[in-house]
Amino acid sequence: AAPGLAGEDRYAMLVAAFAGGLTVLGWLLLPLVFFGV
Protein backbone atom coordinates (compact mmCIF):
# COMPACT_ATOMS: atom_id res chain seq x y z
CA ALA A 1 0.00 0.00 0.00
CA ALA A 2 3.05 2.30 0.26
CA PRO A 3 2.86 3.70 -3.33
CA GLY A 4 -0.74 4.77 -2.76
CA LEU A 5 -0.13 6.14 0.72
CA ALA A 6 2.94 8.05 -0.49
CA GLY A 7 1.32 9.24 -3.71
CA GLU A 8 4.02 7.66 -5.91
CA ASP A 9 2.09 6.65 -9.04
CA ARG A 10 5.36 5.75 -10.75
CA TYR A 11 5.96 2.72 -8.57
CA ALA A 12 2.39 1.37 -8.43
CA MET A 13 2.69 -0.88 -11.49
CA LEU A 14 6.20 -2.02 -10.51
CA VAL A 15 5.11 -3.05 -7.03
CA ALA A 16 1.95 -4.80 -8.24
CA ALA A 17 3.64 -6.73 -11.06
CA PHE A 18 6.78 -7.85 -9.25
CA ALA A 19 5.18 -8.52 -5.85
CA GLY A 20 2.29 -10.40 -7.41
CA GLY A 21 4.57 -12.35 -9.73
CA LEU A 22 6.84 -13.39 -6.87
CA THR A 23 3.79 -14.45 -4.87
CA VAL A 24 2.59 -16.79 -7.62
CA LEU A 25 6.12 -18.09 -8.10
CA GLY A 26 6.41 -18.73 -4.38
CA TRP A 27 3.19 -20.74 -4.35
CA LEU A 28 4.59 -22.79 -7.23
CA LEU A 29 8.02 -23.54 -5.76
CA LEU A 30 7.83 -23.41 -1.96
CA PRO A 31 5.50 -26.41 -1.60
CA LEU A 32 8.00 -28.43 -3.66
CA VAL A 33 11.12 -27.50 -1.70
CA PHE A 34 9.93 -26.91 1.84
CA PHE A 35 6.41 -26.51 3.21
CA GLY A 36 4.37 -29.06 1.25
CA VAL A 37 0.64 -28.74 0.68
PDB file of all heavy atoms in Angstrom:
ATOM      1  N   ALA A   1       0.813  -1.215   0.000  1.00  0.00           N
ATOM      2  CA  ALA A   1       0.000   0.000   0.000  1.00  0.00           C
ATOM      3  C   ALA A   1       0.846   1.265   0.000  1.00  0.00           C
ATOM      4  O   ALA A   1       0.310   2.371  -0.159  1.00  0.00           O
ATOM      5  CB  ALA A   1      -0.928   0.009   1.219  1.00  0.00           C
ATOM      6  N   ALA A   2       2.168   1.132   0.151  1.00  0.00           N
ATOM      7  CA  ALA A   2       3.046   2.300   0.256  1.00  0.00           C
ATOM      8  C   ALA A   2       2.966   3.237  -0.938  1.00  0.00           C
ATOM      9  O   ALA A   2       2.921   4.465  -0.759  1.00  0.00           O
ATOM     10  CB  ALA A   2       4.490   1.839   0.481  1.00  0.00           C
ATOM     11  N   PRO A   3       2.958   2.744  -2.202  1.00  0.00           N
ATOM     12  CA  PRO A   3       2.857   3.698  -3.326  1.00  0.00           C
ATOM     13  C   PRO A   3       1.609   4.562  -3.252  1.00  0.00           C
ATOM     14  O   PRO A   3       1.659   5.763  -3.537  1.00  0.00           O
ATOM     15  CB  PRO A   3       2.833   2.787  -4.554  1.00  0.00           C
ATOM     16  CG  PRO A   3       3.545   1.547  -4.120  1.00  0.00           C
ATOM     17  CD  PRO A   3       3.155   1.367  -2.687  1.00  0.00           C
ATOM     18  N   GLY A   4       0.478   3.980  -2.872  1.00  0.00           N
ATOM     19  CA  GLY A   4      -0.744   4.767  -2.761  1.00  0.00           C
ATOM     20  C   GLY A   4      -0.714   5.725  -1.597  1.00  0.00           C
ATOM     21  O   GLY A   4      -1.145   6.880  -1.707  1.00  0.00           O
ATOM     22  N   LEU A   5      -0.189   5.277  -0.453  1.00  0.00           N
ATOM     23  CA  LEU A   5      -0.133   6.143   0.717  1.00  0.00           C
ATOM     24  C   LEU A   5       0.852   7.284   0.533  1.00  0.00           C
ATOM     25  O   LEU A   5       0.664   8.388   1.066  1.00  0.00           O
ATOM     26  CB  LEU A   5       0.253   5.320   1.953  1.00  0.00           C
ATOM     27  CG  LEU A   5      -0.728   4.204   2.350  1.00  0.00           C
ATOM     28  CD1 LEU A   5      -0.186   3.410   3.532  1.00  0.00           C
ATOM     29  CD2 LEU A   5      -2.099   4.793   2.683  1.00  0.00           C
ATOM     30  N   ALA A   6       1.936   7.017  -0.247  1.00  0.00           N
ATOM     31  CA  ALA A   6       2.944   8.052  -0.488  1.00  0.00           C
ATOM     32  C   ALA A   6       2.664   8.876  -1.726  1.00  0.00           C
ATOM     33  O   ALA A   6       3.370   9.845  -2.002  1.00  0.00           O
ATOM     34  CB  ALA A   6       4.325   7.408  -0.608  1.00  0.00           C
ATOM     35  N   GLY A   7       1.648   8.488  -2.495  1.00  0.00           N
ATOM     36  CA  GLY A   7       1.322   9.241  -3.709  1.00  0.00           C
ATOM     37  C   GLY A   7       2.317   9.058  -4.837  1.00  0.00           C
ATOM     38  O   GLY A   7       2.458   9.941  -5.688  1.00  0.00           O
ATOM     39  N   GLU A   8       3.020   7.921  -4.874  1.00  0.00           N
ATOM     40  CA  GLU A   8       4.019   7.659  -5.912  1.00  0.00           C
ATOM     41  C   GLU A   8       3.400   6.771  -6.993  1.00  0.00           C
ATOM     42  O   GLU A   8       3.502   5.541  -6.969  1.00  0.00           O
ATOM     43  CB  GLU A   8       5.250   6.979  -5.302  1.00  0.00           C
ATOM     44  CG  GLU A   8       6.035   7.854  -4.357  1.00  0.00           C
ATOM     45  CD  GLU A   8       6.801   8.960  -5.099  1.00  0.00           C
ATOM     46  OE1 GLU A   8       6.925   8.874  -6.337  1.00  0.00           O
ATOM     47  OE2 GLU A   8       7.258   9.901  -4.434  1.00  0.00           O
ATOM     48  N   ASP A   9       2.738   7.388  -7.959  1.00  0.00           N
ATOM     49  CA  ASP A   9       2.091   6.651  -9.039  1.00  0.00           C
ATOM     50  C   ASP A   9       3.102   5.885  -9.885  1.00  0.00           C
ATOM     51  O   ASP A   9       2.786   4.866 -10.496  1.00  0.00           O
ATOM     52  CB  ASP A   9       1.295   7.622  -9.910  1.00  0.00           C
ATOM     53  CG  ASP A   9       0.530   6.910 -11.014  1.00  0.00           C
ATOM     54  OD1 ASP A   9       0.015   5.814 -10.752  1.00  0.00           O
ATOM     55  OD2 ASP A   9       0.467   7.435 -12.137  1.00  0.00           O
ATOM     56  N   ARG A  10       4.326   6.353  -9.911  1.00  0.00           N
ATOM     57  CA  ARG A  10       5.359   5.754 -10.751  1.00  0.00           C
ATOM     58  C   ARG A  10       5.677   4.315 -10.352  1.00  0.00           C
ATOM     59  O   ARG A  10       5.995   3.475 -11.202  1.00  0.00           O
ATOM     60  CB  ARG A  10       6.629   6.608 -10.644  1.00  0.00           C
ATOM     61  CG  ARG A  10       7.844   6.056 -11.365  1.00  0.00           C
ATOM     62  CD  ARG A  10       9.047   6.929 -11.068  1.00  0.00           C
ATOM     63  NE  ARG A  10      10.241   6.452 -11.780  1.00  0.00           N
ATOM     64  CZ  ARG A  10      11.462   6.988 -11.637  1.00  0.00           C
ATOM     65  NH1 ARG A  10      11.618   8.014 -10.803  1.00  0.00           N
ATOM     66  NH2 ARG A  10      12.483   6.519 -12.318  1.00  0.00           N
ATOM     67  N   TYR A  11       5.571   4.021  -9.054  1.00  0.00           N
ATOM     68  CA  TYR A  11       5.961   2.715  -8.565  1.00  0.00           C
ATOM     69  C   TYR A  11       4.784   1.754  -8.408  1.00  0.00           C
ATOM     70  O   TYR A  11       4.986   0.601  -8.033  1.00  0.00           O
ATOM     71  CB  TYR A  11       6.676   2.848  -7.221  1.00  0.00           C
ATOM     72  CG  TYR A  11       7.894   3.730  -7.269  1.00  0.00           C
ATOM     73  CD1 TYR A  11       7.897   4.987  -6.683  1.00  0.00           C
ATOM     74  CD2 TYR A  11       9.047   3.298  -7.918  1.00  0.00           C
ATOM     75  CE1 TYR A  11       9.023   5.797  -6.731  1.00  0.00           C
ATOM     76  CE2 TYR A  11      10.178   4.103  -7.976  1.00  0.00           C
ATOM     77  CZ  TYR A  11      10.159   5.354  -7.378  1.00  0.00           C
ATOM     78  OH  TYR A  11      11.267   6.149  -7.435  1.00  0.00           O
ATOM     79  N   ALA A  12       3.565   2.214  -8.665  1.00  0.00           N
ATOM     80  CA  ALA A  12       2.394   1.368  -8.427  1.00  0.00           C
ATOM     81  C   ALA A  12       2.431   0.110  -9.292  1.00  0.00           C
ATOM     82  O   ALA A  12       2.245  -1.013  -8.804  1.00  0.00           O
ATOM     83  CB  ALA A  12       1.112   2.155  -8.683  1.00  0.00           C
ATOM     84  N   MET A  13       2.670   0.275 -10.593  1.00  0.00           N
ATOM     85  CA  MET A  13       2.693  -0.876 -11.494  1.00  0.00           C
ATOM     86  C   MET A  13       3.877  -1.792 -11.183  1.00  0.00           C
ATOM     87  O   MET A  13       3.757  -3.023 -11.242  1.00  0.00           O
ATOM     88  CB  MET A  13       2.764  -0.402 -12.937  1.00  0.00           C
ATOM     89  CG  MET A  13       2.786  -1.526 -13.975  1.00  0.00           C
ATOM     90  SD  MET A  13       1.297  -2.558 -13.941  1.00  0.00           S
ATOM     91  CE  MET A  13       0.096  -1.408 -14.643  1.00  0.00           C
ATOM     92  N   LEU A  14       5.034  -1.209 -10.832  1.00  0.00           N
ATOM     93  CA  LEU A  14       6.204  -2.017 -10.505  1.00  0.00           C
ATOM     94  C   LEU A  14       5.929  -2.908  -9.297  1.00  0.00           C
ATOM     95  O   LEU A  14       6.213  -4.114  -9.312  1.00  0.00           O
ATOM     96  CB  LEU A  14       7.410  -1.111 -10.220  1.00  0.00           C
ATOM     97  CG  LEU A  14       7.991  -0.325 -11.394  1.00  0.00           C
ATOM     98  CD1 LEU A  14       9.096   0.598 -10.903  1.00  0.00           C
ATOM     99  CD2 LEU A  14       8.525  -1.271 -12.448  1.00  0.00           C
ATOM    100  N   VAL A  15       5.377  -2.302  -8.250  1.00  0.00           N
ATOM    101  CA  VAL A  15       5.110  -3.053  -7.029  1.00  0.00           C
ATOM    102  C   VAL A  15       4.080  -4.147  -7.286  1.00  0.00           C
ATOM    103  O   VAL A  15       4.253  -5.298  -6.863  1.00  0.00           O
ATOM    104  CB  VAL A  15       4.631  -2.104  -5.910  1.00  0.00           C
ATOM    105  CG1 VAL A  15       4.130  -2.896  -4.706  1.00  0.00           C
ATOM    106  CG2 VAL A  15       5.753  -1.170  -5.496  1.00  0.00           C
ATOM    107  N   ALA A  16       3.011  -3.820  -7.998  1.00  0.00           N
ATOM    108  CA  ALA A  16       1.952  -4.800  -8.245  1.00  0.00           C
ATOM    109  C   ALA A  16       2.458  -5.974  -9.082  1.00  0.00           C
ATOM    110  O   ALA A  16       2.204  -7.146  -8.767  1.00  0.00           O
ATOM    111  CB  ALA A  16       0.768  -4.129  -8.933  1.00  0.00           C
ATOM    112  N   ALA A  17       3.196  -5.674 -10.151  1.00  0.00           N
ATOM    113  CA  ALA A  17       3.645  -6.732 -11.057  1.00  0.00           C
ATOM    114  C   ALA A  17       4.684  -7.640 -10.402  1.00  0.00           C
ATOM    115  O   ALA A  17       4.555  -8.876 -10.433  1.00  0.00           O
ATOM    116  CB  ALA A  17       4.203  -6.113 -12.337  1.00  0.00           C
ATOM    117  N   PHE A  18       5.704  -7.032  -9.804  1.00  0.00           N
ATOM    118  CA  PHE A  18       6.782  -7.849  -9.250  1.00  0.00           C
ATOM    119  C   PHE A  18       6.349  -8.559  -7.964  1.00  0.00           C
ATOM    120  O   PHE A  18       6.683  -9.736  -7.763  1.00  0.00           O
ATOM    121  CB  PHE A  18       8.023  -6.992  -9.005  1.00  0.00           C
ATOM    122  CG  PHE A  18       8.743  -6.620 -10.266  1.00  0.00           C
ATOM    123  CD1 PHE A  18       8.699  -5.329 -10.757  1.00  0.00           C
ATOM    124  CD2 PHE A  18       9.462  -7.570 -10.975  1.00  0.00           C
ATOM    125  CE1 PHE A  18       9.354  -4.982 -11.922  1.00  0.00           C
ATOM    126  CE2 PHE A  18      10.129  -7.230 -12.142  1.00  0.00           C
ATOM    127  CZ  PHE A  18      10.080  -5.941 -12.626  1.00  0.00           C
ATOM    128  N   ALA A  19       5.631  -7.870  -7.080  1.00  0.00           N
ATOM    129  CA  ALA A  19       5.181  -8.523  -5.847  1.00  0.00           C
ATOM    130  C   ALA A  19       4.191  -9.642  -6.158  1.00  0.00           C
ATOM    131  O   ALA A  19       4.276 -10.743  -5.596  1.00  0.00           O
ATOM    132  CB  ALA A  19       4.555  -7.498  -4.908  1.00  0.00           C
ATOM    133  N   GLY A  20       3.250  -9.360  -7.044  1.00  0.00           N
ATOM    134  CA  GLY A  20       2.290 -10.401  -7.415  1.00  0.00           C
ATOM    135  C   GLY A  20       2.944 -11.568  -8.121  1.00  0.00           C
ATOM    136  O   GLY A  20       2.629 -12.732  -7.853  1.00  0.00           O
ATOM    137  N   GLY A  21       3.873 -11.278  -9.031  1.00  0.00           N
ATOM    138  CA  GLY A  21       4.567 -12.355  -9.735  1.00  0.00           C
ATOM    139  C   GLY A  21       5.378 -13.231  -8.801  1.00  0.00           C
ATOM    140  O   GLY A  21       5.378 -14.458  -8.925  1.00  0.00           O
ATOM    141  N   LEU A  22       6.072 -12.611  -7.843  1.00  0.00           N
ATOM    142  CA  LEU A  22       6.843 -13.385  -6.871  1.00  0.00           C
ATOM    143  C   LEU A  22       5.928 -14.216  -5.969  1.00  0.00           C
ATOM    144  O   LEU A  22       6.292 -15.314  -5.546  1.00  0.00           O
ATOM    145  CB  LEU A  22       7.712 -12.451  -6.024  1.00  0.00           C
ATOM    146  CG  LEU A  22       8.903 -11.812  -6.751  1.00  0.00           C
ATOM    147  CD1 LEU A  22       9.610 -10.814  -5.831  1.00  0.00           C
ATOM    148  CD2 LEU A  22       9.884 -12.878  -7.234  1.00  0.00           C
ATOM    149  N   THR A  23       4.737 -13.688  -5.680  1.00  0.00           N
ATOM    150  CA  THR A  23       3.788 -14.449  -4.871  1.00  0.00           C
ATOM    151  C   THR A  23       3.357 -15.719  -5.581  1.00  0.00           C
ATOM    152  O   THR A  23       3.353 -16.812  -4.995  1.00  0.00           O
ATOM    153  CB  THR A  23       2.557 -13.589  -4.551  1.00  0.00           C
ATOM    154  OG1 THR A  23       2.960 -12.421  -3.821  1.00  0.00           O
ATOM    155  CG2 THR A  23       1.554 -14.371  -3.726  1.00  0.00           C
ATOM    156  N   VAL A  24       2.989 -15.599  -6.850  1.00  0.00           N
ATOM    157  CA  VAL A  24       2.592 -16.786  -7.616  1.00  0.00           C
ATOM    158  C   VAL A  24       3.757 -17.761  -7.736  1.00  0.00           C
ATOM    159  O   VAL A  24       3.590 -18.978  -7.582  1.00  0.00           O
ATOM    160  CB  VAL A  24       2.084 -16.373  -9.009  1.00  0.00           C
ATOM    161  CG1 VAL A  24       1.729 -17.605  -9.832  1.00  0.00           C
ATOM    162  CG2 VAL A  24       0.870 -15.458  -8.897  1.00  0.00           C
ATOM    163  N   LEU A  25       4.949 -17.232  -7.996  1.00  0.00           N
ATOM    164  CA  LEU A  25       6.123 -18.093  -8.103  1.00  0.00           C
ATOM    165  C   LEU A  25       6.407 -18.814  -6.791  1.00  0.00           C
ATOM    166  O   LEU A  25       6.787 -19.994  -6.778  1.00  0.00           O
ATOM    167  CB  LEU A  25       7.332 -17.254  -8.529  1.00  0.00           C
ATOM    168  CG  LEU A  25       8.602 -18.018  -8.920  1.00  0.00           C
ATOM    169  CD1 LEU A  25       8.341 -18.878 -10.146  1.00  0.00           C
ATOM    170  CD2 LEU A  25       9.748 -17.046  -9.192  1.00  0.00           C
ATOM    171  N   GLY A  26       6.217 -18.100  -5.673  1.00  0.00           N
ATOM    172  CA  GLY A  26       6.411 -18.730  -4.377  1.00  0.00           C
ATOM    173  C   GLY A  26       5.435 -19.866  -4.129  1.00  0.00           C
ATOM    174  O   GLY A  26       5.799 -20.916  -3.601  1.00  0.00           O
ATOM    175  N   TRP A  27       4.180 -19.679  -4.522  1.00  0.00           N
ATOM    176  CA  TRP A  27       3.192 -20.741  -4.351  1.00  0.00           C
ATOM    177  C   TRP A  27       3.508 -21.929  -5.252  1.00  0.00           C
ATOM    178  O   TRP A  27       3.122 -23.063  -4.944  1.00  0.00           O
ATOM    179  CB  TRP A  27       1.793 -20.210  -4.655  1.00  0.00           C
ATOM    180  CG  TRP A  27       1.160 -19.529  -3.482  1.00  0.00           C
ATOM    181  CD1 TRP A  27       1.415 -18.276  -3.034  1.00  0.00           C
ATOM    182  CD2 TRP A  27       0.175 -20.067  -2.607  1.00  0.00           C
ATOM    183  NE1 TRP A  27       0.651 -17.998  -1.924  1.00  0.00           N
ATOM    184  CE2 TRP A  27      -0.128 -19.083  -1.647  1.00  0.00           C
ATOM    185  CE3 TRP A  27      -0.492 -21.283  -2.537  1.00  0.00           C
ATOM    186  CZ2 TRP A  27      -1.056 -19.282  -0.630  1.00  0.00           C
ATOM    187  CZ3 TRP A  27      -1.432 -21.482  -1.533  1.00  0.00           C
ATOM    188  CH2 TRP A  27      -1.702 -20.492  -0.587  1.00  0.00           C
ATOM    189  N   LEU A  28       4.205 -21.692  -6.347  1.00  0.00           N
ATOM    190  CA  LEU A  28       4.588 -22.785  -7.228  1.00  0.00           C
ATOM    191  C   LEU A  28       5.757 -23.589  -6.665  1.00  0.00           C
ATOM    192  O   LEU A  28       5.762 -24.818  -6.733  1.00  0.00           O
ATOM    193  CB  LEU A  28       4.971 -22.243  -8.610  1.00  0.00           C
ATOM    194  CG  LEU A  28       3.831 -21.844  -9.544  1.00  0.00           C
ATOM    195  CD1 LEU A  28       4.386 -21.144 -10.771  1.00  0.00           C
ATOM    196  CD2 LEU A  28       3.021 -23.062  -9.960  1.00  0.00           C
ATOM    197  N   LEU A  29       6.752 -22.896  -6.110  1.00  0.00           N
ATOM    198  CA  LEU A  29       8.015 -23.538  -5.758  1.00  0.00           C
ATOM    199  C   LEU A  29       8.120 -23.946  -4.303  1.00  0.00           C
ATOM    200  O   LEU A  29       8.671 -25.003  -3.994  1.00  0.00           O
ATOM    201  CB  LEU A  29       9.187 -22.612  -6.119  1.00  0.00           C
ATOM    202  CG  LEU A  29       9.324 -22.249  -7.599  1.00  0.00           C
ATOM    203  CD1 LEU A  29      10.529 -21.352  -7.810  1.00  0.00           C
ATOM    204  CD2 LEU A  29       9.430 -23.497  -8.460  1.00  0.00           C
ATOM    205  N   LEU A  30       7.645 -23.111  -3.379  1.00  0.00           N
ATOM    206  CA  LEU A  30       7.834 -23.406  -1.959  1.00  0.00           C
ATOM    207  C   LEU A  30       7.212 -24.730  -1.523  1.00  0.00           C
ATOM    208  O   LEU A  30       7.810 -25.458  -0.719  1.00  0.00           O
ATOM    209  CB  LEU A  30       7.306 -22.256  -1.100  1.00  0.00           C
ATOM    210  CG  LEU A  30       8.143 -20.977  -1.133  1.00  0.00           C
ATOM    211  CD1 LEU A  30       7.525 -19.915  -0.239  1.00  0.00           C
ATOM    212  CD2 LEU A  30       9.581 -21.252  -0.712  1.00  0.00           C
ATOM    213  N   PRO A  31       6.009 -25.095  -1.994  1.00  0.00           N
ATOM    214  CA  PRO A  31       5.498 -26.413  -1.604  1.00  0.00           C
ATOM    215  C   PRO A  31       6.396 -27.557  -2.052  1.00  0.00           C
ATOM    216  O   PRO A  31       6.436 -28.605  -1.409  1.00  0.00           O
ATOM    217  CB  PRO A  31       4.124 -26.481  -2.300  1.00  0.00           C
ATOM    218  CG  PRO A  31       3.720 -25.065  -2.473  1.00  0.00           C
ATOM    219  CD  PRO A  31       4.996 -24.319  -2.746  1.00  0.00           C
ATOM    220  N   LEU A  32       7.135 -27.365  -3.155  1.00  0.00           N
ATOM    221  CA  LEU A  32       8.004 -28.431  -3.658  1.00  0.00           C
ATOM    222  C   LEU A  32       9.261 -28.575  -2.822  1.00  0.00           C
ATOM    223  O   LEU A  32       9.762 -29.682  -2.622  1.00  0.00           O
ATOM    224  CB  LEU A  32       8.389 -28.158  -5.116  1.00  0.00           C
ATOM    225  CG  LEU A  32       7.251 -28.194  -6.141  1.00  0.00           C
ATOM    226  CD1 LEU A  32       7.789 -27.868  -7.524  1.00  0.00           C
ATOM    227  CD2 LEU A  32       6.576 -29.558  -6.151  1.00  0.00           C
ATOM    228  N   VAL A  33       9.813 -27.450  -2.344  1.00  0.00           N
ATOM    229  CA  VAL A  33      11.116 -27.504  -1.698  1.00  0.00           C
ATOM    230  C   VAL A  33      11.068 -27.423  -0.186  1.00  0.00           C
ATOM    231  O   VAL A  33      12.060 -27.705   0.472  1.00  0.00           O
ATOM    232  CB  VAL A  33      12.038 -26.372  -2.225  1.00  0.00           C
ATOM    233  CG1 VAL A  33      12.236 -26.496  -3.703  1.00  0.00           C
ATOM    234  CG2 VAL A  33      11.449 -24.993  -1.899  1.00  0.00           C
ATOM    235  N   PHE A  34       9.909 -27.044   0.384  1.00  0.00           N
ATOM    236  CA  PHE A  34       9.930 -26.909   1.843  1.00  0.00           C
ATOM    237  C   PHE A  34       8.602 -27.261   2.491  1.00  0.00           C
ATOM    238  O   PHE A  34       8.469 -28.267   3.147  1.00  0.00           O
ATOM    239  CB  PHE A  34      10.344 -25.497   2.230  1.00  0.00           C
ATOM    240  CG  PHE A  34      10.580 -25.343   3.709  1.00  0.00           C
ATOM    241  CD1 PHE A  34      11.683 -25.918   4.299  1.00  0.00           C
ATOM    242  CD2 PHE A  34       9.688 -24.642   4.493  1.00  0.00           C
ATOM    243  CE1 PHE A  34      11.895 -25.795   5.664  1.00  0.00           C
ATOM    244  CE2 PHE A  34       9.894 -24.511   5.853  1.00  0.00           C
ATOM    245  CZ  PHE A  34      11.000 -25.089   6.431  1.00  0.00           C
ATOM    246  N   PHE A  35       7.574 -26.443   2.333  1.00  0.00           N
ATOM    247  CA  PHE A  35       6.413 -26.510   3.206  1.00  0.00           C
ATOM    248  C   PHE A  35       5.477 -27.666   2.894  1.00  0.00           C
ATOM    249  O   PHE A  35       4.851 -28.206   3.781  1.00  0.00           O
ATOM    250  CB  PHE A  35       5.612 -25.196   3.137  1.00  0.00           C
ATOM    251  CG  PHE A  35       6.351 -24.030   3.700  1.00  0.00           C
ATOM    252  CD1 PHE A  35       6.909 -23.085   2.860  1.00  0.00           C
ATOM    253  CD2 PHE A  35       6.530 -23.906   5.054  1.00  0.00           C
ATOM    254  CE1 PHE A  35       7.610 -22.008   3.388  1.00  0.00           C
ATOM    255  CE2 PHE A  35       7.222 -22.829   5.591  1.00  0.00           C
ATOM    256  CZ  PHE A  35       7.758 -21.884   4.752  1.00  0.00           C
ATOM    257  N   GLY A  36       5.357 -28.060   1.619  1.00  0.00           N
ATOM    258  CA  GLY A  36       4.367 -29.056   1.254  1.00  0.00           C
ATOM    259  C   GLY A  36       2.982 -28.430   1.160  1.00  0.00           C
ATOM    260  O   GLY A  36       2.797 -27.234   1.384  1.00  0.00           O
ATOM    261  N   VAL A  37       2.004 -29.229   0.796  1.00  0.00           N
ATOM    262  CA  VAL A  37       0.641 -28.743   0.680  1.00  0.00           C
ATOM    263  C   VAL A  37      -0.238 -29.478   1.686  1.00  0.00           C
ATOM    264  O   VAL A  37      -0.021 -30.648   1.997  1.00  0.00           O
ATOM    265  CB  VAL A  37       0.086 -28.934  -0.745  1.00  0.00           C
ATOM    266  CG1 VAL A  37       0.781 -28.015  -1.715  1.00  0.00           C
ATOM    267  CG2 VAL A  37       0.227 -30.375  -1.198  1.00  0.00           C
TER     268      VAL A  37
END
